[in-house]
Amino acid sequence: MTRGLYPPESLSEEDVRTLRVVRRDIYTNGIVGGGLGACAGVVMYTGAQWAKKFGFLPNTKLNKNHGMMMVLGSFALGTFLAASKSGKEEVHVLHPIFRVGAVDAGGTNAVRDRDIMMMDQRQTYEGRRQALMDNRMTRRRTLDNLLKKHHGLSDSHAGRWVIEEEEQQEELQDNDTTKFEKE
């Protein structure tokens, strides 16, 4: 049997219900998107046939394979786009569930304890405002650090791989001196 039928004991009934609702929404929207995509594929193929008939597509051949490609390709694209859109819209519902099993390095469930303690502080306006300011300052420090150290915001380090370049230069120097010497 699948793990989806037997959720972990750390999840409450409400968490399990939330997971099932999100999963159902993703599947349902994926099927609807696939149906819309298949209809769009039929319309595109029919439109291509009419365009060929009226001379907008000269010297083109359309056969059954092109029709199947348009219908199935647009079905797959529609399924992917609708399911991923639904998943991205519903991910905020899953954030509390992601933290259920979080354990810090000490072995206690400190994440949930910290969240419970912070709830009282964040209920007030000043607490929420202070939390937003803290998040803003953290983002600014992170961006500033990235700009100072990595010369850009890209994960590829702006195309500069300094460590690899140094290793290649050392390899070239080693090959020049030791590879062709006789013993």
C-alpha atoms as a PDB file:
ATOM      1  CA  MET A   1       0.000   0.000   0.000  1.00  0.00           C
ATOM      2  CA  THR A   2       1.059   3.586  -0.494  1.00  0.00           C
ATOM      3  CA  ARG A   3       2.291   5.856   2.262  1.00  0.00           C
ATOM      4  CA  GLY A   4      -0.542   8.283   1.512  1.00  0.00           C
ATOM      5  CA  LEU A   5      -3.023   5.829   3.029  1.00  0.00           C
ATOM      6  CA  TYR A   6      -1.028   5.573   6.260  1.00  0.00           C
ATOM      7  CA  PRO A   7       0.151   9.057   7.275  1.00  0.00           C
ATOM      8  CA  PRO A   8       2.666   9.407  10.124  1.00  0.00           C
ATOM      9  CA  GLU A   9       1.329   9.533  13.662  1.00  0.00           C
ATOM     10  CA  SER A  10       2.830  12.998  14.214  1.00  0.00           C
ATOM     11  CA  LEU A  11       0.134  14.514  11.963  1.00  0.00           C
ATOM     12  CA  SER A  12      -3.230  15.382  13.441  1.00  0.00           C
ATOM     13  CA  GLU A  13      -6.499  14.521  11.729  1.00  0.00           C
ATOM     14  CA  GLU A  14      -6.786  18.118  10.547  1.00  0.00           C
ATOM     15  CA  ASP A  15      -3.289  17.949   8.991  1.00  0.00           C
ATOM     16  CA  VAL A  16      -4.149  14.716   7.176  1.00  0.00           C
ATOM     17  CA  ARG A  17      -7.399  16.228   5.925  1.00  0.00           C
ATOM     18  CA  THR A  18      -5.521  19.316   4.692  1.00  0.00           C
ATOM     19  CA  LEU A  19      -3.001  17.137   2.822  1.00  0.00           C
ATOM     20  CA  ARG A  20      -5.789  15.184   1.173  1.00  0.00           C
ATOM     21  CA  VAL A  21      -7.653  18.333   0.137  1.00  0.00           C
ATOM     22  CA  VAL A  22      -4.524  19.867  -1.399  1.00  0.00           C
ATOM     23  CA  ARG A  23      -3.682  16.629  -3.227  1.00  0.00           C
ATOM     24  CA  ARG A  24      -7.257  16.341  -4.532  1.00  0.00           C
ATOM     25  CA  ASP A  25      -7.197  19.950  -5.746  1.00  0.00           C
ATOM     26  CA  ILE A  26      -3.928  19.389  -7.591  1.00  0.00           C
ATOM     27  CA  TYR A  27      -5.213  16.232  -9.291  1.00  0.00           C
ATOM     28  CA  THR A  28      -8.575  17.796 -10.149  1.00  0.00           C
ATOM     29  CA  ASN A  29      -7.043  20.929 -11.614  1.00  0.00           C
ATOM     30  CA  GLY A  30      -4.527  18.817 -13.529  1.00  0.00           C
ATOM     31  CA  ILE A  31      -7.337  16.817 -15.145  1.00  0.00           C
ATOM     32  CA  VAL A  32      -9.290  19.988 -15.975  1.00  0.00           C
ATOM     33  CA  GLY A  33      -6.146  21.567 -17.439  1.00  0.00           C
ATOM     34  CA  GLY A  34      -5.516  18.448 -19.503  1.00  0.00           C
ATOM     35  CA  GLY A  35      -9.036  18.559 -20.894  1.00  0.00           C
ATOM     36  CA  LEU A  36      -8.710  22.231 -21.757  1.00  0.00           C
ATOM     37  CA  GLY A  37      -5.308  21.567 -23.304  1.00  0.00           C
ATOM     38  CA  ALA A  38      -6.675  18.731 -25.441  1.00  0.00           C
ATOM     39  CA  CYS A  39      -9.524  20.974 -26.627  1.00  0.00           C
ATOM     40  CA  ALA A  40      -6.989  23.675 -27.444  1.00  0.00           C
ATOM     41  CA  GLY A  41      -4.988  21.100 -29.419  1.00  0.00           C
ATOM     42  CA  VAL A  42      -8.032  20.148 -31.466  1.00  0.00           C
ATOM     43  CA  VAL A  43      -8.748  23.823 -32.130  1.00  0.00           C
ATOM     44  CA  MET A  44      -5.120  24.462 -33.132  1.00  0.00           C
ATOM     45  CA  TYR A  45      -5.064  21.506 -35.519  1.00  0.00           C
ATOM     46  CA  THR A  46      -8.392  22.500 -37.053  1.00  0.00           C
ATOM     47  CA  GLY A  47      -7.134  26.068 -37.380  1.00  0.00           C
ATOM     48  CA  ALA A  48      -3.962  24.823 -39.047  1.00  0.00           C
ATOM     49  CA  GLN A  49      -6.041  22.826 -41.527  1.00  0.00           C
ATOM     50  CA  TRP A  50      -8.156  25.900 -42.352  1.00  0.00           C
ATOM     51  CA  ALA A  51      -5.020  28.054 -42.645  1.00  0.00           C
ATOM     52  CA  LYS A  52      -3.558  25.544 -45.087  1.00  0.00           C
ATOM     53  CA  LYS A  53      -6.817  25.458 -47.033  1.00  0.00           C
ATOM     54  CA  PHE A  54      -6.903  29.271 -47.380  1.00  0.00           C
ATOM     55  CA  GLY A  55      -3.231  29.474 -48.339  1.00  0.00           C
ATOM     56  CA  PHE A  56      -1.769  30.920 -45.135  1.00  0.00           C
ATOM     57  CA  LEU A  57       0.507  27.874 -44.745  1.00  0.00           C
ATOM     58  CA  PRO A  58       1.861  27.150 -48.231  1.00  0.00           C
ATOM     59  CA  ASN A  59       4.012  24.075 -48.843  1.00  0.00           C
ATOM     60  CA  THR A  60       3.101  22.421 -45.542  1.00  0.00           C
ATOM     61  CA  LYS A  61       1.826  18.934 -45.018  1.00  0.00           C
ATOM     62  CA  LEU A  62      -0.544  18.161 -42.168  1.00  0.00           C
ATOM     63  CA  ASN A  63      -1.359  14.548 -41.435  1.00  0.00           C
ATOM     64  CA  LYS A  64      -2.762  12.501 -38.555  1.00  0.00           C
ATOM     65  CA  ASN A  65       0.594  12.498 -36.758  1.00  0.00           C
ATOM     66  CA  HIS A  66       0.613  16.277 -36.590  1.00  0.00           C
ATOM     67  CA  GLY A  67      -2.902  16.223 -35.171  1.00  0.00           C
ATOM     68  CA  MET A  68      -1.992  13.701 -32.484  1.00  0.00           C
ATOM     69  CA  MET A  69       1.115  15.684 -31.621  1.00  0.00           C
ATOM     70  CA  MET A  70      -0.880  18.899 -31.190  1.00  0.00           C
ATOM     71  CA  VAL A  71      -3.633  17.278 -29.144  1.00  0.00           C
ATOM     72  CA  LEU A  72      -1.414  15.201 -26.867  1.00  0.00           C
ATOM     73  CA  GLY A  73       1.251  17.892 -26.532  1.00  0.00           C
ATOM     74  CA  SER A  74      -1.258  20.518 -25.535  1.00  0.00           C
ATOM     75  CA  PHE A  75      -2.931  17.984 -23.189  1.00  0.00           C
ATOM     76  CA  ALA A  76       0.383  17.406 -21.416  1.00  0.00           C
ATOM     77  CA  LEU A  77       1.174  21.116 -21.272  1.00  0.00           C
ATOM     78  CA  GLY A  78      -2.302  21.938 -19.936  1.00  0.00           C
ATOM     79  CA  THR A  79      -2.043  19.242 -17.276  1.00  0.00           C
ATOM     80  CA  PHE A  80       1.363  20.460 -16.156  1.00  0.00           C
ATOM     81  CA  LEU A  81       0.438  24.138 -16.070  1.00  0.00           C
ATOM     82  CA  ALA A  82      -2.867  23.656 -14.247  1.00  0.00           C
ATOM     83  CA  ALA A  83      -1.462  21.234 -11.658  1.00  0.00           C
ATOM     84  CA  SER A  84       1.612  23.358 -10.959  1.00  0.00           C
ATOM     85  CA  LYS A  85      -0.515  26.524 -10.704  1.00  0.00           C
ATOM     86  CA  SER A  86      -2.793  24.790  -8.228  1.00  0.00           C
ATOM     87  CA  GLY A  87       0.148  23.495  -6.207  1.00  0.00           C
ATOM     88  CA  LYS A  88       1.749  26.915  -6.023  1.00  0.00           C
ATOM     89  CA  GLU A  89      -1.525  28.486  -4.949  1.00  0.00           C
ATOM     90  CA  GLU A  90      -2.068  25.940  -2.173  1.00  0.00           C
ATOM     91  CA  VAL A  91       1.466  25.592  -0.791  1.00  0.00           C
ATOM     92  CA  HIS A  92       0.784  28.230   1.882  1.00  0.00           C
ATOM     93  CA  VAL A  93      -1.743  25.833   3.416  1.00  0.00           C
ATOM     94  CA  LEU A  94       0.990  23.221   3.891  1.00  0.00           C
ATOM     95  CA  HIS A  95       3.554  25.386   5.726  1.00  0.00           C
ATOM     96  CA  PRO A  96       2.271  24.479   9.223  1.00  0.00           C
ATOM     97  CA  ILE A  97       2.378  20.793   8.255  1.00  0.00           C
ATOM     98  CA  PHE A  98       5.999  21.093   7.090  1.00  0.00           C
ATOM     99  CA  ARG A  99       6.973  22.235  10.597  1.00  0.00           C
ATOM    100  CA  VAL A 100       5.255  19.367  12.430  1.00  0.00           C
ATOM    101  CA  GLY A 101       8.246  17.044  12.473  1.00  0.00           C
ATOM    102  CA  ALA A 102      10.947  19.708  12.557  1.00  0.00           C
ATOM    103  CA  VAL A 103      13.576  18.891  15.171  1.00  0.00           C
ATOM    104  CA  ASP A 104      16.481  21.141  16.084  1.00  0.00           C
ATOM    105  CA  ALA A 105      20.038  19.929  16.708  1.00  0.00           C
ATOM    106  CA  GLY A 106      19.335  19.348  20.404  1.00  0.00           C
ATOM    107  CA  GLY A 107      16.718  16.722  19.613  1.00  0.00           C
ATOM    108  CA  THR A 108      13.675  18.622  20.882  1.00  0.00           C
ATOM    109  CA  ASN A 109      10.802  19.961  18.882  1.00  0.00           C
ATOM    110  CA  ALA A 110      11.977  23.525  19.421  1.00  0.00           C
ATOM    111  CA  VAL A 111      10.440  24.875  16.228  1.00  0.00           C
ATOM    112  CA  ARG A 112       6.884  24.247  17.389  1.00  0.00           C
ATOM    113  CA  ASP A 113       7.694  25.431  20.928  1.00  0.00           C
ATOM    114  CA  ARG A 114       9.194  28.649  19.572  1.00  0.00           C
ATOM    115  CA  ASP A 115       6.156  29.230  17.351  1.00  0.00           C
ATOM    116  CA  ILE A 116       3.795  28.808  20.301  1.00  0.00           C
ATOM    117  CA  MET A 117       5.812  31.251  22.397  1.00  0.00           C
ATOM    118  CA  MET A 118       5.937  33.792  19.565  1.00  0.00           C
ATOM    119  CA  MET A 119       2.166  33.637  18.974  1.00  0.00           C
ATOM    120  CA  ASP A 120       1.453  35.861  21.992  1.00  0.00           C
ATOM    121  CA  GLN A 121       4.039  38.404  20.872  1.00  0.00           C
ATOM    122  CA  ARG A 122       2.854  38.482  17.279  1.00  0.00           C
ATOM    123  CA  GLN A 123      -0.793  38.971  18.208  1.00  0.00           C
ATOM    124  CA  THR A 124      -0.128  42.623  18.949  1.00  0.00           C
ATOM    125  CA  TYR A 125       0.345  45.168  16.206  1.00  0.00           C
ATOM    126  CA  GLU A 126       3.806  46.119  17.392  1.00  0.00           C
ATOM    127  CA  GLY A 127       4.875  42.469  17.484  1.00  0.00           C
ATOM    128  CA  ARG A 128       3.777  41.907  13.885  1.00  0.00           C
ATOM    129  CA  ARG A 129       5.395  45.158  12.789  1.00  0.00           C
ATOM    130  CA  GLN A 130       8.665  44.226  14.494  1.00  0.00           C
ATOM    131  CA  ALA A 131       8.642  40.765  12.887  1.00  0.00           C
ATOM    132  CA  LEU A 132       8.163  42.333   9.439  1.00  0.00           C
ATOM    133  CA  MET A 133      11.032  44.753  10.067  1.00  0.00           C
ATOM    134  CA  ASP A 134      13.269  41.884  11.213  1.00  0.00           C
ATOM    135  CA  ASN A 135      12.478  39.945   8.038  1.00  0.00           C
ATOM    136  CA  ARG A 136      13.182  43.020   5.904  1.00  0.00           C
ATOM    137  CA  MET A 137      16.547  43.588   7.570  1.00  0.00           C
ATOM    138  CA  THR A 138      17.472  39.918   7.159  1.00  0.00           C
ATOM    139  CA  ARG A 139      16.685  40.076   3.420  1.00  0.00           C
ATOM    140  CA  ARG A 140      18.725  43.244   3.038  1.00  0.00           C
ATOM    141  CA  ARG A 141      21.727  41.715   4.835  1.00  0.00           C
ATOM    142  CA  THR A 142      21.463  38.602   2.660  1.00  0.00           C
ATOM    143  CA  LEU A 143      21.329  40.595  -0.577  1.00  0.00           C
ATOM    144  CA  ASP A 144      24.169  42.823   0.565  1.00  0.00           C
ATOM    145  CA  ASN A 145      26.263  39.754   1.420  1.00  0.00           C
ATOM    146  CA  LEU A 146      25.547  38.183  -1.971  1.00  0.00           C
ATOM    147  CA  LEU A 147      26.477  41.353  -3.800  1.00  0.00           C
ATOM    148  CA  LYS A 148      29.722  41.785  -1.852  1.00  0.00           C
ATOM    149  CA  LYS A 149      30.969  38.205  -1.977  1.00  0.00           C
ATOM    150  CA  HIS A 150      29.583  36.712  -5.191  1.00  0.00           C
ATOM    151  CA  HIS A 151      29.484  39.744  -7.493  1.00  0.00           C
ATOM    152  CA  GLY A 152      25.811  39.240  -8.245  1.00  0.00           C
ATOM    153  CA  LEU A 153      22.543  37.644  -7.241  1.00  0.00           C
ATOM    154  CA  SER A 154      22.931  34.584  -9.458  1.00  0.00           C
ATOM    155  CA  ASP A 155      23.591  31.154  -8.002  1.00  0.00           C
ATOM    156  CA  SER A 156      26.145  30.577 -10.739  1.00  0.00           C
ATOM    157  CA  HIS A 157      28.412  33.225  -9.188  1.00  0.00           C
ATOM    158  CA  ALA A 158      28.061  35.412 -12.286  1.00  0.00           C
ATOM    159  CA  GLY A 159      29.849  32.743 -14.327  1.00  0.00           C
ATOM    160  CA  ARG A 160      33.010  32.975 -12.232  1.00  0.00           C
ATOM    161  CA  TRP A 161      34.191  29.720 -10.797  1.00  0.00           C
ATOM    162  CA  VAL A 162      37.388  30.828  -9.121  1.00  0.00           C
ATOM    163  CA  ILE A 163      38.189  27.519  -7.439  1.00  0.00           C
ATOM    164  CA  GLU A 164      37.897  25.563 -10.678  1.00  0.00           C
ATOM    165  CA  GLU A 165      40.102  28.057 -12.532  1.00  0.00           C
ATOM    166  CA  GLU A 166      42.815  27.773  -9.875  1.00  0.00           C
ATOM    167  CA  GLU A 167      42.695  23.963 -10.007  1.00  0.00           C
ATOM    168  CA  GLN A 168      43.000  24.009 -13.807  1.00  0.00           C
ATOM    169  CA  GLN A 169      46.012  26.307 -13.660  1.00  0.00           C
ATOM    170  CA  GLU A 170      47.706  24.075 -11.077  1.00  0.00           C
ATOM    171  CA  GLU A 171      47.014  21.019 -13.253  1.00  0.00           C
ATOM    172  CA  LEU A 172      48.565  22.688 -16.281  1.00  0.00           C
ATOM    173  CA  GLN A 173      51.672  23.600 -14.294  1.00  0.00           C
ATOM    174  CA  ASP A 174      52.005  20.051 -12.932  1.00  0.00           C
ATOM    175  CA  ASN A 175      51.597  18.546 -16.410  1.00  0.00           C
ATOM    176  CA  ASP A 176      54.257  20.819 -17.896  1.00  0.00           C
ATOM    177  CA  THR A 177      56.935  19.861 -15.374  1.00  0.00           C
ATOM    178  CA  THR A 178      56.373  16.248 -14.416  1.00  0.00           C
ATOM    179  CA  LYS A 179      54.582  14.405 -17.178  1.00  0.00           C
ATOM    180  CA  PHE A 180      57.316  14.170 -19.777  1.00  0.00           C
ATOM    181  CA  GLU A 181      60.376  13.770 -17.547  1.00  0.00           C
ATOM    182  CA  LYS A 182      62.320  10.507 -17.737  1.00  0.00           C
ATOM    183  CA  GLU A 183      63.179   8.641 -14.630  1.00  0.00           C
END
